[in-house]
PDB file of N, CA and C in Angstrom:
ATOM      1  N   UNK A   1       1.020  -1.089  -0.085  1.00  0.00           N
ATOM      2  CA  UNK A   1       0.227   0.071  -0.048  1.00  0.00           C
ATOM      3  C   UNK A   1       0.842   1.211   0.290  1.00  0.00           C
ATOM      4  N   UNK A   2       0.756   2.137  -1.025  1.00  0.00           N
ATOM      5  CA  UNK A   2       1.605   3.094  -1.180  1.00  0.00           C
ATOM      6  C   UNK A   2       1.387   4.385   0.058  1.00  0.00           C
ATOM      7  N   UNK A   3       2.204   5.079   0.019  1.00  0.00           N
ATOM      8  CA  UNK A   3       1.966   6.441   1.199  1.00  0.00           C
ATOM      9  C   UNK A   3       1.725   7.759   0.515  1.00  0.00           C
ATOM     10  N   UNK A   4       1.077   8.197   0.811  1.00  0.00           N
ATOM     11  CA  UNK A   4       1.033   9.807  -0.379  1.00  0.00           C
ATOM     12  C   UNK A   4       0.596  11.158   0.375  1.00  0.00           C
ATOM     13  N   UNK A   5       1.439  12.297  -0.156  1.00  0.00           N
ATOM     14  CA  UNK A   5       1.013  12.937   0.538  1.00  0.00           C
ATOM     15  C   UNK A   5       0.615  14.560  -0.323  1.00  0.00           C
ATOM     16  N   UNK A   6       0.047  15.025   0.275  1.00  0.00           N
ATOM     17  CA  UNK A   6      -0.982  16.058  -0.141  1.00  0.00           C
ATOM     18  C   UNK A   6      -0.804  17.262   0.926  1.00  0.00           C
ATOM     19  N   UNK A   7      -0.435  18.509   0.166  1.00  0.00           N
ATOM     20  CA  UNK A   7      -0.539  19.617   0.511  1.00  0.00           C
ATOM     21  C   UNK A   7      -2.043  20.293   0.987  1.00  0.00           C
ATOM     22  N   UNK A   8      -2.633  20.603   2.082  1.00  0.00           N
ATOM     23  CA  UNK A   8      -3.740  21.049   2.259  1.00  0.00           C
ATOM     24  C   UNK A   8      -3.869  22.985   2.459  1.00  0.00           C
ATOM     25  N   UNK A   9      -4.925  23.219   2.603  1.00  0.00           N
ATOM     26  CA  UNK A   9      -5.585  24.255   3.589  1.00  0.00           C
ATOM     27  C   UNK A   9      -6.014  23.729   4.190  1.00  0.00           C
ATOM     28  N   UNK A  10      -5.824  24.252   5.495  1.00  0.00           N
ATOM     29  CA  UNK A  10      -7.261  24.204   6.612  1.00  0.00           C
ATOM     30  C   UNK A  10      -7.432  25.473   7.694  1.00  0.00           C
ATOM     31  N   UNK A  11      -8.821  25.362   7.693  1.00  0.00           N
ATOM     32  CA  UNK A  11      -9.578  26.528   8.068  1.00  0.00           C
ATOM     33  C   UNK A  11     -10.152  26.241   9.561  1.00  0.00           C
ATOM     34  N   UNK A  12      -8.981  26.735  10.676  1.00  0.00           N
ATOM     35  CA  UNK A  12      -9.497  26.852  12.162  1.00  0.00           C
ATOM     36  C   UNK A  12     -10.636  27.512  12.831  1.00  0.00           C
ATOM     37  N   UNK A  13     -11.593  27.245  13.818  1.00  0.00           N
ATOM     38  CA  UNK A  13     -12.693  28.064  14.166  1.00  0.00           C
ATOM     39  C   UNK A  13     -12.134  29.170  15.525  1.00  0.00           C
ATOM     40  N   UNK A  14     -12.606  29.905  15.288  1.00  0.00           N
ATOM     41  CA  UNK A  14     -12.187  30.906  16.811  1.00  0.00           C
ATOM     42  C   UNK A  14     -12.093  29.765  18.054  1.00  0.00           C
ATOM     43  N   UNK A  15     -12.885  28.548  18.266  1.00  0.00           N
ATOM     44  CA  UNK A  15     -12.551  27.681  19.257  1.00  0.00           C
ATOM     45  C   UNK A  15     -10.962  26.894  18.983  1.00  0.00           C
ATOM     46  N   UNK A  16     -10.465  26.945  17.819  1.00  0.00           N
ATOM     47  CA  UNK A  16      -9.324  26.159  17.430  1.00  0.00           C
ATOM     48  C   UNK A  16      -9.091  25.141  17.146  1.00  0.00           C
ATOM     49  N   UNK A  17     -11.016  24.250  16.220  1.00  0.00           N
ATOM     50  CA  UNK A  17     -11.107  23.007  16.142  1.00  0.00           C
ATOM     51  C   UNK A  17     -11.258  23.417  14.841  1.00  0.00           C
ATOM     52  N   UNK A  18     -10.740  22.271  14.066  1.00  0.00           N
ATOM     53  CA  UNK A  18     -10.597  22.474  12.655  1.00  0.00           C
ATOM     54  C   UNK A  18     -12.011  22.815  11.916  1.00  0.00           C
ATOM     55  N   UNK A  19     -12.483  23.197  10.949  1.00  0.00           N
ATOM     56  CA  UNK A  19     -13.547  23.319  10.571  1.00  0.00           C
ATOM     57  C   UNK A  19     -13.800  22.816   9.498  1.00  0.00           C
ATOM     58  N   UNK A  20     -12.399  23.010   8.375  1.00  0.00           N
ATOM     59  CA  UNK A  20     -12.774  22.473   6.881  1.00  0.00           C
ATOM     60  C   UNK A  20     -11.436  22.435   6.514  1.00  0.00           C
ATOM     61  N   UNK A  21     -11.240  21.556   5.447  1.00  0.00           N
ATOM     62  CA  UNK A  21      -9.894  21.306   4.430  1.00  0.00           C
ATOM     63  C   UNK A  21      -9.820  21.609   3.059  1.00  0.00           C
ATOM     64  N   UNK A  22      -9.451  21.946   2.417  1.00  0.00           N
ATOM     65  CA  UNK A  22      -9.156  21.820   0.809  1.00  0.00           C
ATOM     66  C   UNK A  22      -7.496  21.491   0.402  1.00  0.00           C
ATOM     67  N   UNK A  23      -7.638  20.281  -0.217  1.00  0.00           N
ATOM     68  CA  UNK A  23      -6.308  19.993  -1.170  1.00  0.00           C
ATOM     69  C   UNK A  23      -5.982  20.478  -2.199  1.00  0.00           C
ATOM     70  N   UNK A  24      -4.847  20.804  -1.930  1.00  0.00           N
ATOM     71  CA  UNK A  24      -4.091  21.696  -2.730  1.00  0.00           C
ATOM     72  C   UNK A  24      -3.923  20.848  -4.419  1.00  0.00           C
ATOM     73  N   UNK A  25      -4.005  21.773  -5.470  1.00  0.00           N
ATOM     74  CA  UNK A  25      -3.331  20.931  -6.786  1.00  0.00           C
ATOM     75  C   UNK A  25      -1.800  20.585  -6.454  1.00  0.00           C
ATOM     76  N   UNK A  26      -1.414  20.474  -7.137  1.00  0.00           N
ATOM     77  CA  UNK A  26       0.196  20.374  -7.521  1.00  0.00           C
ATOM     78  C   UNK A  26       0.841  21.480  -8.047  1.00  0.00           C
ATOM     79  N   UNK A  27       0.064  22.431  -9.108  1.00  0.00           N
ATOM     80  CA  UNK A  27       0.041  23.403  -9.636  1.00  0.00           C
ATOM     81  C   UNK A  27       0.785  25.039  -9.208  1.00  0.00           C
ATOM     82  N   UNK A  28       0.049  24.109  -7.296  1.00  0.00           N
ATOM     83  CA  UNK A  28       0.127  25.472  -6.749  1.00  0.00           C
ATOM     84  C   UNK A  28       1.574  25.101  -6.160  1.00  0.00           C
ATOM     85  N   UNK A  29       2.457  24.188  -5.841  1.00  0.00           N
ATOM     86  CA  UNK A  29       3.726  23.993  -5.486  1.00  0.00           C
ATOM     87  C   UNK A  29       5.109  25.035  -5.703  1.00  0.00           C
ATOM     88  N   UNK A  30       5.068  25.409  -6.946  1.00  0.00           N
ATOM     89  CA  UNK A  30       6.303  26.204  -7.167  1.00  0.00           C
ATOM     90  C   UNK A  30       6.009  27.807  -6.507  1.00  0.00           C
ATOM     91  N   UNK A  31       4.707  28.100  -7.262  1.00  0.00           N
ATOM     92  CA  UNK A  31       4.147  29.515  -6.929  1.00  0.00           C
ATOM     93  C   UNK A  31       3.724  29.460  -5.090  1.00  0.00           C
ATOM     94  N   UNK A  32       4.538  28.684  -4.077  1.00  0.00           N
ATOM     95  CA  UNK A  32       4.362  28.639  -3.051  1.00  0.00           C
ATOM     96  C   UNK A  32       6.102  28.741  -2.675  1.00  0.00           C
ATOM     97  N   UNK A  33       6.568  27.960  -3.170  1.00  0.00           N
ATOM     98  CA  UNK A  33       8.106  27.778  -2.574  1.00  0.00           C
ATOM     99  C   UNK A  33       8.623  28.836  -2.285  1.00  0.00           C
ATOM    100  N   UNK A  34       8.425  29.966  -2.826  1.00  0.00           N
ATOM    101  CA  UNK A  34       9.403  30.852  -2.212  1.00  0.00           C
ATOM    102  C   UNK A  34       8.667  31.359  -0.969  1.00  0.00           C
ATOM    103  N   UNK A  35       7.663  31.221  -0.635  1.00  0.00           N
ATOM    104  CA  UNK A  35       7.005  31.793   0.747  1.00  0.00           C
ATOM    105  C   UNK A  35       6.939  30.353   2.079  1.00  0.00           C
ATOM    106  N   UNK A  36       7.197  29.476   1.528  1.00  0.00           N
ATOM    107  CA  UNK A  36       7.459  28.362   2.519  1.00  0.00           C
ATOM    108  C   UNK A  36       8.377  27.332   2.533  1.00  0.00           C
ATOM    109  N   UNK A  37       8.511  26.723   3.712  1.00  0.00           N
ATOM    110  CA  UNK A  37       9.409  25.507   3.310  1.00  0.00           C
ATOM    111  C   UNK A  37       8.646  24.728   2.875  1.00  0.00           C
ATOM    112  N   UNK A  38       9.426  23.871   1.496  1.00  0.00           N
ATOM    113  CA  UNK A  38       9.099  22.547   0.507  1.00  0.00           C
ATOM    114  C   UNK A  38      10.141  21.573   0.558  1.00  0.00           C
ATOM    115  N   UNK A  39       9.807  20.456   0.728  1.00  0.00           N
ATOM    116  CA  UNK A  39      10.706  19.407   0.450  1.00  0.00           C
ATOM    117  C   UNK A  39      11.047  19.823  -1.338  1.00  0.00           C
ATOM    118  N   UNK A  40      11.841  19.022  -1.754  1.00  0.00           N
ATOM    119  CA  UNK A  40      12.358  18.930  -3.135  1.00  0.00           C
ATOM    120  C   UNK A  40      11.485  18.308  -3.834  1.00  0.00           C
ATOM    121  N   UNK A  41      10.556  17.461  -3.520  1.00  0.00           N
ATOM    122  CA  UNK A  41       9.045  16.890  -4.251  1.00  0.00           C
ATOM    123  C   UNK A  41       7.548  18.016  -3.792  1.00  0.00           C
ATOM    124  N   UNK A  42       7.553  18.621  -3.464  1.00  0.00           N
ATOM    125  CA  UNK A  42       6.741  19.536  -3.310  1.00  0.00           C
ATOM    126  C   UNK A  42       6.073  19.470  -2.256  1.00  0.00           C
ATOM    127  N   UNK A  43       6.245  19.002  -1.493  1.00  0.00           N
ATOM    128  CA  UNK A  43       5.286  19.213   0.090  1.00  0.00           C
ATOM    129  C   UNK A  43       5.615  19.804   1.051  1.00  0.00           C
ATOM    130  N   UNK A  44       4.881  20.654   1.505  1.00  0.00           N
ATOM    131  CA  UNK A  44       4.861  21.661   2.631  1.00  0.00           C
ATOM    132  C   UNK A  44       5.552  20.967   3.657  1.00  0.00           C
ATOM    133  N   UNK A  45       6.829  21.762   4.280  1.00  0.00           N
ATOM    134  CA  UNK A  45       7.324  21.237   5.640  1.00  0.00           C
ATOM    135  C   UNK A  45       6.552  22.208   6.375  1.00  0.00           C
ATOM    136  N   UNK A  46       6.304  21.271   7.532  1.00  0.00           N
ATOM    137  CA  UNK A  46       5.405  22.148   8.409  1.00  0.00           C
ATOM    138  C   UNK A  46       4.305  23.021   8.436  1.00  0.00           C
ATOM    139  N   UNK A  47       3.659  23.285   9.500  1.00  0.00           N
ATOM    140  CA  UNK A  47       2.570  24.095   9.004  1.00  0.00           C
ATOM    141  C   UNK A  47       2.775  25.407   9.045  1.00  0.00           C
ATOM    142  N   UNK A  48       2.309  25.873   8.012  1.00  0.00           N
ATOM    143  CA  UNK A  48       2.507  27.716   8.262  1.00  0.00           C
ATOM    144  C   UNK A  48       0.811  28.192   8.264  1.00  0.00           C
ATOM    145  N   UNK A  49       1.297  30.025   9.162  1.00  0.00           N
ATOM    146  CA  UNK A  49       0.098  30.513   8.351  1.00  0.00           C
ATOM    147  C   UNK A  49      -0.147  31.193   7.450  1.00  0.00           C
ATOM    148  N   UNK A  50      -1.380  31.166   7.073  1.00  0.00           N
ATOM    149  CA  UNK A  50      -0.989  31.832   5.254  1.00  0.00           C
ATOM    150  C   UNK A  50      -1.342  33.009   5.863  1.00  0.00           C
ATOM    151  N   UNK A  51      -0.507  33.864   4.811  1.00  0.00           N
ATOM    152  CA  UNK A  51      -0.025  35.216   5.301  1.00  0.00           C
ATOM    153  C   UNK A  51      -0.631  36.417   3.738  1.00  0.00           C
ATOM    154  N   UNK A  52      -0.317  37.293   3.664  1.00  0.00           N
ATOM    155  CA  UNK A  52      -0.641  38.519   2.987  1.00  0.00           C
ATOM    156  C   UNK A  52      -0.088  37.914   1.601  1.00  0.00           C
ATOM    157  N   UNK A  53       0.959  37.610   1.539  1.00  0.00           N
ATOM    158  CA  UNK A  53       1.402  37.158   0.339  1.00  0.00           C
ATOM    159  C   UNK A  53       1.591  35.505  -0.744  1.00  0.00           C
ATOM    160  N   UNK A  54       0.879  34.768   0.447  1.00  0.00           N
ATOM    161  CA  UNK A  54       0.761  33.651  -0.128  1.00  0.00           C
ATOM    162  C   UNK A  54      -1.096  33.309   0.144  1.00  0.00           C
ATOM    163  N   UNK A  55      -1.954  34.189   0.447  1.00  0.00           N
ATOM    164  CA  UNK A  55      -3.574  34.416   0.416  1.00  0.00           C
ATOM    165  C   UNK A  55      -3.662  34.564  -1.005  1.00  0.00           C
ATOM    166  N   UNK A  56      -3.324  35.394  -2.034  1.00  0.00           N
ATOM    167  CA  UNK A  56      -3.768  35.055  -3.300  1.00  0.00           C
ATOM    168  C   UNK A  56      -3.131  34.510  -4.238  1.00  0.00           C
ATOM    169  N   UNK A  57      -2.248  33.054  -4.010  1.00  0.00           N
ATOM    170  CA  UNK A  57      -1.760  31.906  -4.607  1.00  0.00           C
ATOM    171  C   UNK A  57      -2.894  30.976  -4.394  1.00  0.00           C
ATOM    172  N   UNK A  58      -3.219  31.239  -3.207  1.00  0.00           N
ATOM    173  CA  UNK A  58      -4.673  29.981  -2.030  1.00  0.00           C
ATOM    174  C   UNK A  58      -6.146  30.221  -2.737  1.00  0.00           C
ATOM    175  N   UNK A  59      -6.594  31.620  -2.662  1.00  0.00           N
ATOM    176  CA  UNK A  59      -7.847  32.053  -2.710  1.00  0.00           C
ATOM    177  C   UNK A  59      -8.525  30.944  -4.134  1.00  0.00           C
ATOM    178  N   UNK A  60      -7.751  30.667  -4.879  1.00  0.00           N
ATOM    179  CA  UNK A  60      -8.807  30.051  -6.234  1.00  0.00           C
ATOM    180  C   UNK A  60      -8.969  28.909  -6.014  1.00  0.00           C
ATOM    181  N   UNK A  61      -8.747  28.113  -4.802  1.00  0.00           N
ATOM    182  CA  UNK A  61      -9.288  26.554  -4.398  1.00  0.00           C
ATOM    183  C   UNK A  61      -9.706  26.918  -3.383  1.00  0.00           C
ATOM    184  N   UNK A  62     -10.006  28.012  -2.854  1.00  0.00           N
ATOM    185  CA  UNK A  62     -10.706  27.694  -1.821  1.00  0.00           C
ATOM    186  C   UNK A  62     -11.981  28.677  -1.792  1.00  0.00           C
ATOM    187  N   UNK A  63     -13.046  27.761  -1.393  1.00  0.00           N
ATOM    188  CA  UNK A  63     -14.637  28.375  -1.887  1.00  0.00           C
ATOM    189  C   UNK A  63     -15.700  29.033  -0.555  1.00  0.00           C
ATOM    190  N   UNK A  64     -14.101  30.259  -0.279  1.00  0.00           N
ATOM    191  CA  UNK A  64     -14.805  30.915   0.643  1.00  0.00           C
ATOM    192  C   UNK A  64     -13.637  31.820   0.966  1.00  0.00           C
ATOM    193  N   UNK A  65     -14.240  33.707   1.314  1.00  0.00           N
ATOM    194  CA  UNK A  65     -13.080  34.137   1.159  1.00  0.00           C
ATOM    195  C   UNK A  65     -11.814  33.570   2.559  1.00  0.00           C
ATOM    196  N   UNK A  66     -10.896  33.988   1.542  1.00  0.00           N
ATOM    197  CA  UNK A  66      -9.500  34.021   2.777  1.00  0.00           C
ATOM    198  C   UNK A  66      -9.354  35.473   4.285  1.00  0.00           C
ATOM    199  N   UNK A  67     -10.324  34.734   5.514  1.00  0.00           N
ATOM    200  CA  UNK A  67     -10.009  36.072   5.990  1.00  0.00           C
ATOM    201  C   UNK A  67      -8.774  36.083   7.301  1.00  0.00           C
ATOM    202  N   UNK A  68      -7.831  36.811   6.270  1.00  0.00           N
ATOM    203  CA  UNK A  68      -5.987  37.010   7.278  1.00  0.00           C
ATOM    204  C   UNK A  68      -6.094  37.809   8.611  1.00  0.00           C
ATOM    205  N   UNK A  69      -7.334  38.420   9.214  1.00  0.00           N
ATOM    206  CA  UNK A  69      -7.142  39.258  10.469  1.00  0.00           C
ATOM    207  C   UNK A  69      -7.515  38.046  11.458  1.00  0.00           C
ATOM    208  N   UNK A  70      -8.116  36.997  10.932  1.00  0.00           N
ATOM    209  CA  UNK A  70      -8.454  35.649  12.151  1.00  0.00           C
ATOM    210  C   UNK A  70      -7.799  35.022  12.454  1.00  0.00           C
ATOM    211  N   UNK A  71      -6.496  34.795  11.476  1.00  0.00           N
ATOM    212  CA  UNK A  71      -5.223  33.757  11.782  1.00  0.00           C
ATOM    213  C   UNK A  71      -5.472  32.382  11.609  1.00  0.00           C
ATOM    214  N   UNK A  72      -6.623  32.388  11.348  1.00  0.00           N
ATOM    215  CA  UNK A  72      -7.561  30.943  11.398  1.00  0.00           C
ATOM    216  C   UNK A  72      -6.398  30.260  10.209  1.00  0.00           C
ATOM    217  N   UNK A  73      -6.172  30.600   8.935  1.00  0.00           N
ATOM    218  CA  UNK A  73      -5.918  29.597   8.188  1.00  0.00           C
ATOM    219  C   UNK A  73      -4.404  29.355   8.136  1.00  0.00           C
ATOM    220  N   UNK A  74      -4.195  27.761   7.645  1.00  0.00           N
ATOM    221  CA  UNK A  74      -2.762  27.415   7.827  1.00  0.00           C
ATOM    222  C   UNK A  74      -2.629  26.631   6.734  1.00  0.00           C
ATOM    223  N   UNK A  75      -1.841  26.206   6.241  1.00  0.00           N
ATOM    224  CA  UNK A  75      -1.325  25.725   4.965  1.00  0.00           C
ATOM    225  C   UNK A  75      -0.012  24.567   5.664  1.00  0.00           C
ATOM    226  N   UNK A  76      -0.417  22.954   5.549  1.00  0.00           N
ATOM    227  CA  UNK A  76       0.875  22.102   5.717  1.00  0.00           C
ATOM    228  C   UNK A  76       0.688  20.980   5.095  1.00  0.00           C
ATOM    229  N   UNK A  77       0.632  19.804   5.063  1.00  0.00           N
ATOM    230  CA  UNK A  77       1.046  18.614   4.051  1.00  0.00           C
ATOM    231  C   UNK A  77       0.433  17.820   5.043  1.00  0.00           C
ATOM    232  N   UNK A  78      -0.102  16.660   4.459  1.00  0.00           N
ATOM    233  CA  UNK A  78      -1.007  15.565   5.158  1.00  0.00           C
ATOM    234  C   UNK A  78      -0.779  14.699   4.077  1.00  0.00           C
ATOM    235  N   UNK A  79      -1.068  13.093   4.610  1.00  0.00           N
ATOM    236  CA  UNK A  79      -0.291  12.079   4.445  1.00  0.00           C
ATOM    237  C   UNK A  79      -1.573  10.513   4.548  1.00  0.00           C
ATOM    238  N   UNK A  80      -1.623  10.149   3.768  1.00  0.00           N
ATOM    239  CA  UNK A  80      -2.822   9.187   3.770  1.00  0.00           C
ATOM    240  C   UNK A  80      -1.840   7.643   3.258  1.00  0.00           C
ATOM    241  N   UNK A  81      -2.683   6.807   3.527  1.00  0.00           N
ATOM    242  CA  UNK A  81      -2.361   5.243   2.881  1.00  0.00           C
ATOM    243  C   UNK A  81      -2.928   5.333   1.793  1.00  0.00           C
ATOM    244  N   UNK A  82      -2.584   5.089   0.942  1.00  0.00           N
ATOM    245  CA  UNK A  82      -3.583   4.343  -0.514  1.00  0.00           C
ATOM    246  C   UNK A  82      -4.229   2.938  -0.393  1.00  0.00           C
TER     247      UNK A  82
END
């Protein structure tokens, strides 16, 4: 069974609980690379708060406005077994 990684956007509530997750397409890897630490194969390393610089890169892949003032938006890499 292969193990896969996917980059994700996470929205947390004001209570700190995860509300929603979106999977980022691989096409977003290179535009994100200058802004976050990534592995050679394009996986985001560690978790990152969404900033003013990266929100426009992510917004097309999220079906609601990214509210930077809330501090509730993060990106990271998630893994799963296929």
